[in-house]
Each structure stands twice: as structure tokens, then as C-alpha cells.
Amino acid sequence: MKKFFLNSNIFLLRLFYVFIFSIILVSARVGDAFAQGLYNGGADITIVPGTIFYVDGDITNNASGFIHNAGDLYLTGNWNNDEPSGCLDPSSGNVILYGTAQSINGTKPTTFNSLDCQGAGDKTLNINTIVGGSTGALLLNANVFNLNSKTLSITNPSPSAITRSSGYIISETDPSIAYGKIQWDLGNSSNNYTFPFGTLAGIYIPLIYNITSPGIQNAVGNVSVATYPTDVSLSPNNRPLPSGVSNLNDASGTESASFCADRYWDILLTDYSTNPVASITFSYDDLDWDISGGSLNNIVEEQLKAWKWNGTEWQNPTIGLVNAIANTVSVTDINTSSPWTLNAGVPIKEPCKYYEVPNAFSPNNDGHSDLFILHGWANCTTTFSFNIYNRWGEKVFESQNPAQSWDGTYKGQPLNTGVFVYAINAIALSGEPILKKGNISLIR
């Protein structure tokens, strides 16, 4: 096999294509402006330490082609690999994605030592991909890295094997498509790991996996995590369920979708004889729990806790500590694989005989009591009418949906601090009529 060695400080390829076969054929014009791409048809290319190898365009590596990269390999186009062993040496060199929108493609997974996301566009996986070697890293910088229902394997057990400034990783695909997941080879370590997820809307929702007691691995112990939002247009919502989960019922067998955040997390521990014990912090977006995204949730954010599927049913009672300011729920002493969601079930005293109406709320966007919500009514009425009037008798809000909240506006404009009158006319599940009137204080 012929080998192609590059040992200059900078080797700039700007050309139509570089074709490299077993017998080396290079057609290159250094510095040309019309150029693009590198195609390795089956040769060994060696990039020695200290070399910057720049490809303006795509890199395509055919079966039996190798790139022994111990330098810095920049490309502005897509990466394509068909070599079964992964093409690159797994523990040396850096590949820098330097273009705009770029993807990692091919029929065979690539193993990168360090993968550095630069440029201005999203980076997308179209095939399972491995990053990290034993000391390498995925550097997100400010970029979005879309898993696109694929698995990103991180082989470096250091917590710094994924770094970011403002970038994040998009999981967001449900099991009916295939989880987009991060599989991290944590081994027997005892560290604090951040899985830096973000939503399609750009909200940062990291999952923190803080190992408090290390596991004992068989070969290479790993933890994989995926998260995705649910379809709020379905009835009941919070669907599709995670893989292996058959329902969303509470301890009494009652559907709990309206009390659950519209998001799941799937956490899987693999290849441990003794699992690590960890504290887990789940981060969520406000759209995951409130009704502004079209959901029919009946949730008090301050009551959110973590809810774990134990293999046959949902764990009751729910566990954890919510921080409604930081949008997190934390749990401790976890050593199992589980799908998770967040639950804020409101117990109903003497079922369908307890109807509470708050007397005040403060729609000032501080994350606390910003909406006027009737908790528990949605599960206990067959018909429902709710009207709110100002002091002059003008109707400022009306609804026939007991799960719908009022945000303190009228005709799209925020109302000032004041006292309003409400009237509720409903029919209970028992057929009993319910008439309620009273005052609501709106506080800015």
C-alpha cells in the first residue's frame, strides 16, 4: 500500500477533488479558489503532528481507506466514511468541523479522537459516531450538535470529554423514531457529568449525573441518556411513552398525563456488575409543564417531583426536590436504569367533592403564580363554564375548559392590579350541579 505523508506546517487543498487510490494519484492546485473536496479511494494518508491539513469541501473515505491523523484536519463540508474500522486512529489528532451546516455520514461509524465544532452552522449525525479516544473530547463551543436519532458514544471517562460555551446537543427524538442518545463510558469513575442537552427551540436543559459511589464495570461500563418532549395534541397527551413503558397510571390506576410534564428521560446503565450510585438533576423547559404550548396540563410547578418507571409500573410516591427558579428537579441515591418524567399530582380530598378556587395570583413573569389555574376540576366535571368580570361587570375572561388558565390579560393587554369577580357553573361527575362565585385578586 502506498502512503501519502503530509508534514508541512499548513497544507491547503482547494481543488475540484483529490483522488487517492492504492497507487497515489493526486490532482491538486494549492491555493486555487474554485476547488473542493477530498476522496480517498483506498490509500493510507498520514498527517504527522504539527500539520494543519485543510480541505475546502467534503471528505469521503472509501472502504479500505485510512487517514492516520496526528495533526489538525479542517474541513468545511461533510464527513463521509465507508471504512469498517472507523478510518481514523482513535487516540490521536483533531478533526475540526469548520463550515456552516455540516453532517457526519457514511455506511460505517467513524471514531474521532477529538471532534471540534466550529463554523456557524449546526452539526448533524446521520450515523452512530464515536468520540474521545482515552483523552480526546467533543468540543461544542457555540454550536448545536443534533443527534438526529443516532447514538453519540463518548469513550473518554473524563467529565471534560464534552465541553461547551453556549452550544448544546439535541436529543429530542422519541422511541418510535429511535432515541437520540449520548452513551458515555464512565467506567469505575466517581465524577460529576453534564449531558448538555438543549431543545429544538434553543433552551438549554442539561442532565447532571453526579456519581456519589462508583460502579464496578465488567468490561466498559457506560451510562446512556436520551430525552424527548411529547406530543401535546394527543389525548391523553404525554405520548409516545418511553420504550418498555405501558401506561402513565398512578398508584390507583388513574391516567396521570395532565399531572406530568411533557417530557421523558431514558437512562440506561450497561456492563456493570455493580451499578454506580448517583444524584441526578433533570432540567426542563417551561413549555414542558405549563399550558402555553397547547398542553392540557394541570400542574403546580412547585409540586413537581421525579417519577420513575420500575419495569412494571411507575414508582409511587414521586421523589425529589424541585427548584422552580432554575427549572430543575433533583433526586439522590439512584443506581438503576429507568425511564423518568416529572409529576405534580394534586391529591383530591374525597374524590370529586373538593373544588378549590385560588383567591389571588401575580402575573409578573417571575415563575411563581403567574397563571390563575383551577387545580383538580378537570378530573371531576362533565360540563364547565368559568367567567371572570371586572368591577364594572365587563367580562374579561371565559372558558369551558377547566384546565385552561387565565394570564391576567384582556384583549391581549395586561390588566392592572385589582379585584375581579368569578362565576363557575359546572356539573360534577356524580351529576351534582356546582355553582361558585367569589373574588380574585390580581397583583402586579
Protein backbone atom coordinates (compact mmCIF):
# COMPACT_ATOMS: atom_id res chain seq x y z
CA MET A 1 0.00 0.00 0.00
CA LYS A 2 1.33 3.42 -0.92
CA LYS A 3 1.25 6.05 1.79
CA PHE A 4 0.62 9.74 1.45
CA PHE A 5 2.60 11.76 4.03
CA LEU A 6 1.93 15.37 4.91
CA ASN A 7 4.43 17.08 7.13
CA SER A 8 4.20 20.72 6.17
CA ASN A 9 3.01 23.27 8.69
CA ILE A 10 -0.06 24.04 6.57
CA PHE A 11 -1.30 22.00 3.60
CA LEU A 12 -4.18 23.78 1.87
CA LEU A 13 -6.35 21.81 -0.56
CA ARG A 14 -8.66 23.87 -2.71
CA LEU A 15 -9.42 21.80 -5.77
CA PHE A 16 -12.14 20.02 -7.65
CA TYR A 17 -11.33 16.71 -5.94
CA VAL A 18 -8.28 14.87 -4.67
CA PHE A 19 -8.49 11.21 -5.70
CA ILE A 20 -6.18 8.89 -3.72
CA PHE A 21 -6.09 5.23 -4.70
CA SER A 22 -3.74 2.37 -3.89
CA ILE A 23 -1.47 3.88 -6.48
CA ILE A 24 -1.33 7.51 -5.49
CA LEU A 25 -2.90 9.89 -7.94
CA VAL A 26 -3.10 13.47 -6.69
CA SER A 27 -4.54 16.26 -8.76
CA ALA A 28 -4.16 19.37 -6.66
CA ARG A 29 -3.53 23.00 -7.13
CA VAL A 30 -2.56 24.66 -3.86
CA GLY A 31 -4.29 28.00 -3.44
CA ASP A 32 -6.89 27.63 -6.21
CA ALA A 33 -10.17 29.35 -5.32
CA PHE A 34 -12.65 27.18 -7.21
CA ALA A 35 -11.95 23.94 -5.64
CA GLN A 36 -13.36 21.40 -3.25
CA GLY A 37 -13.08 18.06 -1.54
CA LEU A 38 -11.01 15.03 -0.73
CA TYR A 39 -11.82 11.50 -1.88
CA ASN A 40 -9.74 8.62 -0.50
CA GLY A 41 -10.32 5.62 -2.73
CA GLY A 42 -8.31 3.17 -0.60
CA ALA A 43 -4.94 4.62 0.42
CA ASP A 44 -3.18 5.35 3.70
CA ILE A 45 -2.93 9.08 4.35
CA THR A 46 -0.66 10.11 7.22
CA ILE A 47 -0.90 13.58 8.75
CA VAL A 48 2.03 13.98 11.10
CA PRO A 49 1.99 16.03 14.36
CA GLY A 50 2.17 19.77 13.80
CA THR A 51 0.47 19.62 10.39
CA ILE A 52 -2.66 21.60 9.58
CA PHE A 53 -4.50 19.80 6.79
CA TYR A 54 -7.29 21.93 5.31
CA VAL A 55 -9.99 20.60 2.97
CA ASP A 56 -12.39 23.09 1.45
CA GLY A 57 -15.37 20.80 0.90
CA ASP A 58 -16.34 17.22 1.74
CA ILE A 59 -14.09 14.38 2.84
CA THR A 60 -15.13 10.94 1.57
CA ASN A 61 -13.22 7.90 2.79
CA ASN A 62 -13.90 4.71 0.85
CA ALA A 63 -13.68 1.15 2.22
CA SER A 64 -10.02 0.21 2.97
CA GLY A 65 -9.01 3.88 3.10
CA PHE A 66 -7.28 5.19 6.23
CA ILE A 67 -6.39 8.65 7.47
CA HIS A 68 -3.75 8.45 10.18
CA ASN A 69 -4.26 11.89 11.64
CA ALA A 70 -1.91 13.12 14.33
CA GLY A 71 -2.36 16.78 13.36
CA ASP A 72 -5.30 19.12 12.79
CA LEU A 73 -7.65 18.19 9.95
CA TYR A 74 -10.01 21.02 8.99
CA LEU A 75 -12.96 20.58 6.64
CA THR A 76 -15.73 22.92 5.56
CA GLY A 77 -18.02 20.25 4.10
CA ASN A 78 -19.42 16.92 5.25
CA TRP A 79 -17.55 13.89 6.58
CA ASN A 80 -18.33 10.55 4.86
CA ASN A 81 -16.84 7.21 5.88
CA ASP A 82 -17.28 3.69 4.49
CA GLU A 83 -14.20 2.10 6.16
CA PRO A 84 -15.35 -0.55 8.69
CA SER A 85 -12.63 0.16 11.28
CA GLY A 86 -13.60 3.82 11.54
CA CYS A 87 -10.98 5.32 9.20
CA LEU A 88 -9.11 7.40 11.80
CA ASP A 89 -6.69 6.41 14.55
CA PRO A 90 -8.93 6.63 17.63
CA SER A 91 -6.43 8.21 20.05
CA SER A 92 -4.67 10.94 18.09
CA GLY A 93 -5.37 14.07 16.10
CA ASN A 94 -8.15 16.61 15.87
CA VAL A 95 -10.89 16.94 13.27
CA ILE A 96 -12.30 20.44 13.07
CA LEU A 97 -15.75 20.95 11.51
CA TYR A 98 -15.07 24.41 10.15
CA GLY A 99 -18.03 25.04 7.85
CA THR A 100 -21.64 26.08 8.21
CA ALA A 101 -24.23 23.26 8.28
CA GLN A 102 -22.23 20.01 8.31
CA SER A 103 -23.06 16.35 8.78
CA ILE A 104 -21.26 13.11 9.63
CA ASN A 105 -22.30 10.42 7.16
CA GLY A 106 -21.35 7.07 5.71
CA THR A 107 -22.16 3.39 5.93
CA LYS A 108 -19.71 2.77 8.79
CA PRO A 109 -19.29 4.68 12.08
CA THR A 110 -16.28 6.97 12.42
CA THR A 111 -14.15 7.02 15.55
CA PHE A 112 -12.79 10.51 16.22
CA ASN A 113 -10.20 11.30 18.87
CA SER A 114 -11.19 14.95 19.25
CA LEU A 115 -14.03 16.50 17.28
CA ASP A 116 -14.05 20.29 17.36
CA CYS A 117 -17.27 22.02 16.24
CA GLN A 118 -16.57 25.44 14.78
CA GLY A 119 -18.08 27.48 11.98
CA ALA A 120 -21.58 28.92 12.03
CA GLY A 121 -23.98 26.05 11.37
CA ASP A 122 -25.48 23.03 13.11
CA LYS A 123 -23.60 19.73 13.07
CA THR A 124 -25.77 16.65 12.44
CA LEU A 125 -25.21 12.91 12.85
CA ASN A 126 -26.52 10.67 10.09
CA ILE A 127 -24.78 7.62 11.53
CA ASN A 128 -23.72 6.46 15.02
CA THR A 129 -20.45 8.17 15.90
CA ILE A 130 -17.67 7.67 18.46
CA VAL A 131 -15.62 10.49 20.01
CA GLY A 132 -12.99 10.73 22.71
CA GLY A 133 -10.33 8.07 22.48
CA SER A 134 -8.91 7.91 26.01
CA THR A 135 -8.07 11.62 26.29
CA GLY A 136 -9.90 13.30 23.40
CA ALA A 137 -13.08 15.37 23.56
CA LEU A 138 -16.13 16.71 21.78
CA LEU A 139 -15.81 20.50 21.74
CA LEU A 140 -19.23 22.01 21.11
CA ASN A 141 -18.15 25.65 21.51
CA ALA A 142 -21.26 27.65 20.48
CA ASN A 143 -22.61 25.06 18.07
CA VAL A 144 -25.74 22.93 18.01
CA PHE A 145 -24.96 19.22 17.67
CA ASN A 146 -28.02 17.28 16.50
CA LEU A 147 -28.01 13.55 17.30
CA ASN A 148 -30.79 13.03 14.76
CA SER A 149 -31.96 9.74 16.40
CA LYS A 150 -28.38 8.40 16.39
CA THR A 151 -26.02 7.40 19.23
CA LEU A 152 -23.03 9.53 20.15
CA SER A 153 -20.53 7.39 22.10
CA ILE A 154 -18.05 9.23 24.34
CA THR A 155 -15.15 6.92 25.22
CA ASN A 156 -13.09 9.28 27.40
CA PRO A 157 -14.30 8.87 31.03
CA SER A 158 -13.26 12.40 31.99
CA PRO A 159 -16.09 14.89 32.73
CA SER A 160 -14.28 17.27 30.34
CA ALA A 161 -14.76 14.88 27.40
CA ILE A 162 -17.65 17.15 26.36
CA THR A 163 -17.06 20.92 26.57
CA ARG A 164 -19.20 23.88 25.55
CA SER A 165 -19.52 27.63 25.71
CA SER A 166 -23.16 28.13 24.65
CA GLY A 167 -23.56 25.08 22.42
CA TYR A 168 -25.71 22.06 23.22
CA ILE A 169 -26.71 18.60 22.00
CA ILE A 170 -30.19 17.90 20.63
CA SER A 171 -31.67 14.51 21.58
CA GLU A 172 -35.44 15.15 21.14
CA THR A 173 -36.46 12.04 19.13
CA ASP A 174 -38.84 9.55 20.71
CA PRO A 175 -38.54 5.74 20.64
CA SER A 176 -40.95 5.37 17.71
CA ILE A 177 -38.23 7.01 15.59
CA ALA A 178 -35.19 5.89 17.68
CA TYR A 179 -33.69 7.65 20.64
CA GLY A 180 -31.01 10.24 20.01
CA LYS A 181 -28.73 9.39 22.91
CA ILE A 182 -25.36 10.12 24.47
CA GLN A 183 -23.57 6.95 25.63
CA TRP A 184 -20.71 7.86 27.94
CA ASP A 185 -18.10 5.29 29.05
CA LEU A 186 -17.90 6.37 32.70
CA GLY A 187 -16.30 3.12 33.87
CA ASN A 188 -15.40 2.99 37.56
CA SER A 189 -15.10 6.75 37.89
CA SER A 190 -16.61 8.93 40.59
CA ASN A 191 -17.24 12.30 38.95
CA ASN A 192 -19.91 14.82 38.09
CA TYR A 193 -21.03 14.54 34.45
CA THR A 194 -23.07 17.00 32.41
CA PHE A 195 -25.08 15.71 29.47
CA PRO A 196 -25.53 19.09 27.73
CA PHE A 197 -28.93 18.70 26.11
CA GLY A 198 -30.91 21.51 24.53
CA THR A 199 -34.37 21.75 22.95
CA LEU A 200 -35.21 22.38 19.32
CA ALA A 201 -36.21 25.89 20.41
CA GLY A 202 -32.73 26.51 21.86
CA ILE A 203 -33.45 26.12 25.59
CA TYR A 204 -30.54 24.58 27.50
CA ILE A 205 -31.77 21.60 29.59
CA PRO A 206 -28.69 19.71 30.83
CA LEU A 207 -28.95 16.46 32.75
CA ILE A 208 -26.44 16.29 35.61
CA TYR A 209 -25.27 12.81 36.62
CA ASN A 210 -23.21 13.15 39.80
CA ILE A 211 -21.71 9.81 40.84
CA THR A 212 -21.57 9.52 44.62
CA SER A 213 -20.44 5.87 44.70
CA PRO A 214 -18.55 4.43 41.70
CA GLY A 215 -19.73 1.31 39.96
CA ILE A 216 -17.80 -1.85 39.18
CA GLN A 217 -17.65 -2.47 35.46
CA ASN A 218 -17.42 -5.80 33.66
CA ALA A 219 -15.62 -4.53 30.57
CA VAL A 220 -16.54 -0.91 29.77
CA GLY A 221 -19.36 0.38 31.98
CA ASN A 222 -21.38 3.15 30.40
CA VAL A 223 -24.40 5.34 31.02
CA SER A 224 -26.60 6.40 28.11
CA VAL A 225 -29.16 9.21 28.32
CA ALA A 226 -31.85 10.34 25.91
CA THR A 227 -34.60 12.92 26.39
CA TYR A 228 -37.57 13.96 24.29
CA PRO A 229 -40.73 16.10 24.52
CA THR A 230 -44.17 14.59 23.99
CA ASP A 231 -46.99 15.45 21.61
CA VAL A 232 -49.43 17.69 23.49
CA SER A 233 -52.06 17.37 20.74
CA LEU A 234 -52.72 13.73 21.66
CA SER A 235 -55.40 12.71 24.14
CA PRO A 236 -54.22 11.68 26.61
CA ASN A 237 -51.01 13.59 25.99
CA ASN A 238 -47.50 12.61 27.16
CA ARG A 239 -47.31 10.19 24.23
CA PRO A 240 -45.48 8.30 22.84
CA LEU A 241 -44.42 6.55 26.02
CA PRO A 242 -40.78 5.52 26.51
CA SER A 243 -39.67 2.14 25.23
CA GLY A 244 -40.89 -0.61 27.58
CA VAL A 245 -43.43 1.63 29.36
CA SER A 246 -47.05 0.52 29.07
CA ASN A 247 -49.00 3.30 30.82
CA LEU A 248 -48.86 6.55 32.75
CA ASN A 249 -51.06 5.46 35.66
CA ASP A 250 -50.74 6.47 39.30
CA ALA A 251 -50.99 4.04 42.21
CA SER A 252 -54.78 3.88 41.88
CA GLY A 253 -54.58 3.07 38.17
CA THR A 254 -55.68 6.55 37.07
CA GLU A 255 -54.21 8.16 33.94
CA SER A 256 -51.82 10.91 35.09
CA ALA A 257 -50.96 12.71 31.85
CA SER A 258 -52.43 16.03 32.99
CA PHE A 259 -50.17 16.00 36.08
CA CYS A 260 -46.97 15.09 34.21
CA ALA A 261 -44.51 17.30 32.40
CA ASP A 262 -44.49 16.83 28.64
CA ARG A 263 -41.01 15.28 28.60
CA TYR A 264 -39.31 11.95 29.32
CA TRP A 265 -35.74 10.96 30.08
CA ASP A 266 -34.40 7.46 29.42
CA ILE A 267 -31.33 6.47 31.46
CA LEU A 268 -29.64 3.13 30.86
CA LEU A 269 -26.66 1.64 32.73
CA THR A 270 -24.78 -1.08 30.82
CA ASP A 271 -21.96 -3.53 31.57
CA TYR A 272 -21.75 -3.06 35.34
CA SER A 273 -21.59 -5.87 37.86
CA THR A 274 -22.37 -3.21 40.48
CA ASN A 275 -24.09 -0.08 39.23
CA PRO A 276 -22.81 3.37 40.22
CA VAL A 277 -24.93 5.37 42.66
CA ALA A 278 -25.68 8.91 41.55
CA SER A 279 -27.58 12.08 42.23
CA ILE A 280 -29.46 13.14 39.09
CA THR A 281 -30.65 16.64 38.23
CA PHE A 282 -33.29 16.91 35.50
CA SER A 283 -33.63 20.26 33.74
CA TYR A 284 -36.87 21.17 31.98
CA ASP A 285 -38.31 23.90 29.78
CA ASP A 286 -41.35 25.86 30.97
CA LEU A 287 -43.21 24.56 27.90
CA ASP A 288 -42.78 21.07 29.36
CA TRP A 289 -45.13 21.80 32.26
CA ASP A 290 -47.28 24.89 31.65
CA ILE A 291 -50.13 25.17 29.15
CA SER A 292 -48.63 27.89 26.94
CA GLY A 293 -47.55 25.26 24.40
CA GLY A 294 -51.08 23.90 23.99
CA SER A 295 -50.91 21.24 26.67
CA LEU A 296 -53.84 20.47 29.00
CA ASN A 297 -51.56 20.06 32.00
CA ASN A 298 -52.93 20.68 35.48
CA ILE A 299 -49.59 21.31 37.19
CA VAL A 300 -48.37 23.47 40.07
CA GLU A 301 -44.69 23.90 39.21
CA GLU A 302 -43.61 24.00 42.84
CA GLN A 303 -45.06 20.49 43.30
CA LEU A 304 -43.02 18.85 40.53
CA LYS A 305 -41.15 15.71 41.54
CA ALA A 306 -39.38 12.95 39.63
CA TRP A 307 -41.35 9.85 38.65
CA LYS A 308 -39.51 6.64 37.75
CA TRP A 309 -40.72 3.56 35.88
CA ASN A 310 -39.55 0.48 37.80
CA GLY A 311 -40.03 -2.02 34.98
CA THR A 312 -43.69 -2.82 35.59
CA GLU A 313 -45.23 0.39 36.96
CA TRP A 314 -44.48 3.97 37.94
CA GLN A 315 -42.79 4.41 41.31
CA ASN A 316 -45.14 5.85 43.93
CA PRO A 317 -44.77 8.17 45.68
CA THR A 318 -42.79 10.50 43.46
CA ILE A 319 -39.40 11.72 44.73
CA GLY A 320 -37.00 14.63 44.53
CA LEU A 321 -36.66 18.34 45.13
CA VAL A 322 -37.82 20.99 42.66
CA ASN A 323 -36.14 24.35 42.06
CA ALA A 324 -38.78 26.32 40.13
CA ILE A 325 -36.38 29.23 39.59
CA ALA A 326 -33.67 27.07 37.98
CA ASN A 327 -36.23 24.73 36.33
CA THR A 328 -34.69 21.60 37.84
CA VAL A 329 -35.76 18.54 39.83
CA SER A 330 -33.04 16.66 41.73
CA VAL A 331 -33.03 13.11 43.11
CA THR A 332 -30.42 11.24 45.13
CA ASP A 333 -29.15 7.67 45.61
CA ILE A 334 -30.16 6.32 42.20
CA ASN A 335 -28.48 3.14 40.91
CA THR A 336 -30.98 1.80 38.37
CA SER A 337 -31.80 2.09 34.68
CA SER A 338 -35.14 3.82 34.22
CA PRO A 339 -37.36 5.99 32.10
CA TRP A 340 -38.27 9.15 34.05
CA THR A 341 -40.74 12.00 33.85
CA LEU A 342 -41.78 14.82 36.20
CA ASN A 343 -45.06 14.60 38.10
CA ALA A 344 -47.03 17.16 40.09
CA GLY A 345 -50.06 15.12 41.01
CA VAL A 346 -52.55 17.04 43.17
CA PRO A 347 -54.39 14.74 45.58
CA ILE A 348 -58.16 15.26 45.57
CA LYS A 349 -59.79 15.08 49.00
CA GLU A 350 -62.85 12.84 48.90
CA PRO A 351 -62.62 12.37 45.12
CA CYS A 352 -64.69 14.86 43.16
CA LYS A 353 -66.03 16.63 46.25
CA TYR A 354 -63.13 19.03 46.66
CA TYR A 355 -63.17 22.11 44.44
CA GLU A 356 -60.60 24.77 45.20
CA VAL A 357 -60.53 28.26 43.70
CA PRO A 358 -57.44 30.39 44.41
CA ASN A 359 -58.15 33.90 45.67
CA ALA A 360 -55.08 35.63 44.17
CA PHE A 361 -52.32 35.37 41.57
CA SER A 362 -49.45 37.57 40.36
CA PRO A 363 -48.84 37.52 36.58
CA ASN A 364 -45.46 39.30 36.73
CA ASN A 365 -43.40 36.64 34.89
CA ASP A 366 -41.33 35.69 37.95
CA GLY A 367 -42.12 32.00 37.55
CA HIS A 368 -44.43 31.86 40.58
CA SER A 369 -48.25 32.04 40.50
CA ASP A 370 -48.14 33.72 37.08
CA LEU A 371 -51.36 31.98 35.98
CA PHE A 372 -54.78 31.62 37.56
CA ILE A 373 -55.40 27.85 37.48
CA LEU A 374 -58.23 25.67 38.82
CA HIS A 375 -56.49 22.53 40.10
CA GLY A 376 -58.44 19.27 40.23
CA TRP A 377 -61.53 20.44 38.35
CA ALA A 378 -60.64 18.79 35.05
CA ASN A 379 -60.93 15.30 36.56
CA CYS A 380 -64.20 15.93 38.36
CA THR A 381 -66.60 17.70 35.99
CA THR A 382 -68.55 16.78 32.86
CA THR A 383 -69.59 20.30 31.86
CA PHE A 384 -67.90 23.50 32.91
CA SER A 385 -68.29 27.26 32.44
CA PHE A 386 -65.94 29.82 34.00
CA ASN A 387 -66.30 33.60 33.65
CA ILE A 388 -64.33 36.48 35.17
CA TYR A 389 -65.61 40.09 35.34
CA ASN A 390 -64.03 43.43 36.22
CA ARG A 391 -65.59 45.79 38.75
CA TRP A 392 -67.79 47.34 36.06
CA GLY A 393 -69.27 43.97 35.16
CA GLU A 394 -67.36 43.61 31.90
CA LYS A 395 -66.38 40.01 31.09
CA VAL A 396 -62.56 39.82 30.79
CA PHE A 397 -62.15 36.03 30.58
CA GLU A 398 -64.28 32.99 29.80
CA SER A 399 -63.60 29.29 29.31
CA GLN A 400 -65.37 25.97 29.03
CA ASN A 401 -62.13 24.08 29.70
CA PRO A 402 -61.35 23.56 33.41
CA ALA A 403 -57.66 23.03 32.59
CA GLN A 404 -57.35 26.41 30.87
CA SER A 405 -55.70 29.15 32.91
CA TRP A 406 -56.00 32.96 32.86
CA ASP A 407 -52.85 35.03 32.42
CA GLY A 408 -54.33 38.33 33.65
CA THR A 409 -54.80 39.89 30.21
CA TYR A 410 -57.85 41.22 28.39
CA LYS A 411 -57.87 41.60 24.60
CA GLY A 412 -54.16 40.84 24.64
CA GLN A 413 -53.29 43.60 27.12
CA PRO A 414 -52.18 43.06 30.73
CA LEU A 415 -54.69 44.26 33.31
CA ASN A 416 -53.65 46.38 36.28
CA THR A 417 -53.71 45.27 39.90
CA GLY A 418 -57.30 44.89 41.04
CA VAL A 419 -60.09 42.68 42.36
CA PHE A 420 -62.18 40.67 39.89
CA VAL A 421 -65.31 38.57 40.29
CA TYR A 422 -65.57 34.99 39.07
CA ALA A 423 -68.54 32.70 38.45
CA ILE A 424 -68.35 28.95 37.89
CA ASN A 425 -71.23 26.83 36.65
CA ALA A 426 -70.38 23.13 36.32
CA ILE A 427 -71.76 19.61 36.58
CA ALA A 428 -69.83 17.10 38.72
CA LEU A 429 -69.22 13.50 37.60
CA SER A 430 -71.93 12.50 40.06
CA GLY A 431 -74.44 14.75 38.23
CA GLU A 432 -74.47 17.28 41.06
CA PRO A 433 -74.59 20.94 39.92
CA ILE A 434 -71.76 23.16 41.16
CA LEU A 435 -72.23 26.93 41.45
CA LYS A 436 -69.40 29.04 42.82
CA LYS A 437 -68.85 32.80 42.96
CA GLY A 438 -66.14 34.86 44.59
CA ASN A 439 -63.32 37.36 44.22
CA ILE A 440 -59.88 37.08 42.61
CA SER A 441 -57.08 39.50 43.43
CA LEU A 442 -54.73 40.26 40.54
CA ILE A 443 -51.41 41.51 41.96
CA ARG A 444 -48.67 43.03 39.76
